[in-house]
Amino acid sequence: LLALYALDQLEQHMGWFLAHKYFAPKKAEKIHNMILHLFDKLRPIASDLCDAFGIPEYMLTAPIAHDWVEEFSWKNTPEARGETQRKAFKLH
């Protein structure tokens, strides 16, 4: 997790690193690929990590935890479904 966090911080600020010539574009690509590799390694224990950090179940089943593009696409809006009023959003 520490390596993933460090690489993520580098990637978030990659524009600055590239502009100031701290990294070459090839290095930026390698950092991105390393992040993807760590995601693959962490995927099997993602549920355990969520439990360890106390992430509540309702957050794991939120639309953004899945295919949020599909969830919020036009066909899934009340207007597209012919509903005249939006339903209230329930917070836990």
C-alpha atoms as a PDB file:
ATOM      1  CA  LEU A   1       0.000   0.000   0.000  1.00  0.00           C
ATOM      2  CA  LEU A   2       2.848   2.364   0.749  1.00  0.00           C
ATOM      3  CA  ALA A   3       4.361   1.847  -2.707  1.00  0.00           C
ATOM      4  CA  LEU A   4       0.942   2.359  -4.326  1.00  0.00           C
ATOM      5  CA  TYR A   5       0.428   5.590  -2.392  1.00  0.00           C
ATOM      6  CA  ALA A   6       3.896   6.890  -3.318  1.00  0.00           C
ATOM      7  CA  LEU A   7       3.459   6.048  -6.998  1.00  0.00           C
ATOM      8  CA  ASP A   8      -0.020   7.577  -7.017  1.00  0.00           C
ATOM      9  CA  GLN A   9       1.386  10.820  -5.604  1.00  0.00           C
ATOM     10  CA  LEU A  10       4.042  10.875  -8.308  1.00  0.00           C
ATOM     11  CA  GLU A  11       1.444  10.240 -11.001  1.00  0.00           C
ATOM     12  CA  GLN A  12      -0.906  12.927  -9.676  1.00  0.00           C
ATOM     13  CA  HIS A  13       1.878  15.492 -10.009  1.00  0.00           C
ATOM     14  CA  MET A  14       3.456  14.023 -13.123  1.00  0.00           C
ATOM     15  CA  GLY A  15       2.877  17.201 -15.124  1.00  0.00           C
ATOM     16  CA  TRP A  16       5.154  19.104 -12.775  1.00  0.00           C
ATOM     17  CA  PHE A  17       7.820  16.389 -12.841  1.00  0.00           C
ATOM     18  CA  LEU A  18       7.756  16.275 -16.639  1.00  0.00           C
ATOM     19  CA  ALA A  19       7.741  20.073 -17.015  1.00  0.00           C
ATOM     20  CA  HIS A  20      10.797  20.379 -14.758  1.00  0.00           C
ATOM     21  CA  LYS A  21      12.509  17.432 -16.454  1.00  0.00           C
ATOM     22  CA  TYR A  22      12.691  15.299 -13.322  1.00  0.00           C
ATOM     23  CA  PHE A  23      11.194  12.429 -15.322  1.00  0.00           C
ATOM     24  CA  ALA A  24      11.283  11.471 -18.969  1.00  0.00           C
ATOM     25  CA  PRO A  25       7.978  10.436 -20.589  1.00  0.00           C
ATOM     26  CA  LYS A  26       9.168   6.793 -20.546  1.00  0.00           C
ATOM     27  CA  LYS A  27       9.561   6.986 -16.751  1.00  0.00           C
ATOM     28  CA  ALA A  28       6.031   8.422 -16.436  1.00  0.00           C
ATOM     29  CA  GLU A  29       4.695   5.492 -18.436  1.00  0.00           C
ATOM     30  CA  LYS A  30       6.639   3.032 -16.261  1.00  0.00           C
ATOM     31  CA  ILE A  31       5.198   4.599 -13.091  1.00  0.00           C
ATOM     32  CA  HIS A  32       1.679   4.227 -14.479  1.00  0.00           C
ATOM     33  CA  ASN A  33       2.344   0.587 -15.389  1.00  0.00           C
ATOM     34  CA  MET A  34       3.718  -0.071 -11.895  1.00  0.00           C
ATOM     35  CA  ILE A  35       0.486   1.298 -10.406  1.00  0.00           C
ATOM     36  CA  LEU A  36      -1.568  -1.033 -12.608  1.00  0.00           C
ATOM     37  CA  HIS A  37       0.645  -3.947 -11.543  1.00  0.00           C
ATOM     38  CA  LEU A  38       0.078  -3.122  -7.858  1.00  0.00           C
ATOM     39  CA  PHE A  39      -3.675  -2.929  -8.455  1.00  0.00           C
ATOM     40  CA  ASP A  40      -3.513  -6.458  -9.860  1.00  0.00           C
ATOM     41  CA  LYS A  41      -1.573  -7.667  -6.817  1.00  0.00           C
ATOM     42  CA  LEU A  42      -3.983  -6.011  -4.363  1.00  0.00           C
ATOM     43  CA  ARG A  43      -7.203  -7.059  -6.104  1.00  0.00           C
ATOM     44  CA  PRO A  44      -7.363 -10.521  -4.417  1.00  0.00           C
ATOM     45  CA  ILE A  45      -7.188  -8.943  -0.953  1.00  0.00           C
ATOM     46  CA  ALA A  46      -9.316  -5.839  -1.671  1.00  0.00           C
ATOM     47  CA  SER A  47     -12.151  -7.088   0.527  1.00  0.00           C
ATOM     48  CA  ASP A  48      -9.750  -7.721   3.416  1.00  0.00           C
ATOM     49  CA  LEU A  49      -8.313  -4.230   3.007  1.00  0.00           C
ATOM     50  CA  CYS A  50     -11.794  -2.707   3.104  1.00  0.00           C
ATOM     51  CA  ASP A  51     -12.499  -4.622   6.316  1.00  0.00           C
ATOM     52  CA  ALA A  52      -9.163  -3.583   7.823  1.00  0.00           C
ATOM     53  CA  PHE A  53      -9.861   0.090   7.127  1.00  0.00           C
ATOM     54  CA  GLY A  54     -13.445  -0.202   8.386  1.00  0.00           C
ATOM     55  CA  ILE A  55     -15.068   0.842   5.113  1.00  0.00           C
ATOM     56  CA  PRO A  56     -18.841   0.414   5.618  1.00  0.00           C
ATOM     57  CA  GLU A  57     -20.772  -1.955   3.375  1.00  0.00           C
ATOM     58  CA  TYR A  58     -23.024   0.791   2.002  1.00  0.00           C
ATOM     59  CA  MET A  59     -19.966   2.503   0.516  1.00  0.00           C
ATOM     60  CA  LEU A  60     -18.913  -0.702  -1.211  1.00  0.00           C
ATOM     61  CA  THR A  61     -22.314  -1.038  -2.877  1.00  0.00           C
ATOM     62  CA  ALA A  62     -22.551   2.616  -3.950  1.00  0.00           C
ATOM     63  CA  PRO A  63     -22.835   3.200  -7.713  1.00  0.00           C
ATOM     64  CA  ILE A  64     -19.336   4.667  -7.852  1.00  0.00           C
ATOM     65  CA  ALA A  65     -17.934   1.358  -6.540  1.00  0.00           C
ATOM     66  CA  HIS A  66     -19.132  -0.334  -9.715  1.00  0.00           C
ATOM     67  CA  ASP A  67     -19.869   0.897 -13.222  1.00  0.00           C
ATOM     68  CA  TRP A  68     -20.770   4.487 -12.381  1.00  0.00           C
ATOM     69  CA  VAL A  69     -20.778   5.514 -16.042  1.00  0.00           C
ATOM     70  CA  GLU A  70     -23.553   3.016 -16.703  1.00  0.00           C
ATOM     71  CA  GLU A  71     -25.330   3.879 -13.448  1.00  0.00           C
ATOM     72  CA  PHE A  72     -25.506   7.557 -14.327  1.00  0.00           C
ATOM     73  CA  SER A  73     -26.103   7.185 -18.069  1.00  0.00           C
ATOM     74  CA  TRP A  74     -29.157   8.846 -19.598  1.00  0.00           C
ATOM     75  CA  LYS A  75     -31.154   5.602 -19.864  1.00  0.00           C
ATOM     76  CA  ASN A  76     -31.032   5.242 -16.069  1.00  0.00           C
ATOM     77  CA  THR A  77     -32.378   8.729 -15.319  1.00  0.00           C
ATOM     78  CA  PRO A  78     -35.947   9.223 -14.087  1.00  0.00           C
ATOM     79  CA  GLU A  79     -36.659  11.293 -17.193  1.00  0.00           C
ATOM     80  CA  ALA A  80     -35.612   8.481 -19.531  1.00  0.00           C
ATOM     81  CA  ARG A  81     -37.675   6.003 -17.523  1.00  0.00           C
ATOM     82  CA  GLY A  82     -40.718   8.283 -17.749  1.00  0.00           C
ATOM     83  CA  GLU A  83     -40.745   9.255 -14.083  1.00  0.00           C
ATOM     84  CA  THR A  84     -41.780  12.823 -13.406  1.00  0.00           C
ATOM     85  CA  GLN A  85     -40.053  13.293 -10.057  1.00  0.00           C
ATOM     86  CA  ARG A  86     -36.654  12.272  -8.823  1.00  0.00           C
ATOM     87  CA  LYS A  87     -36.661   9.952  -5.833  1.00  0.00           C
ATOM     88  CA  ALA A  88     -34.983  11.155  -2.658  1.00  0.00           C
ATOM     89  CA  PHE A  89     -31.377  10.175  -2.178  1.00  0.00           C
ATOM     90  CA  LYS A  90     -30.931   8.128   1.010  1.00  0.00           C
ATOM     91  CA  LEU A  91     -27.773   8.712   3.040  1.00  0.00           C
ATOM     92  CA  HIS A  92     -26.672   6.191   5.616  1.00  0.00           C
END
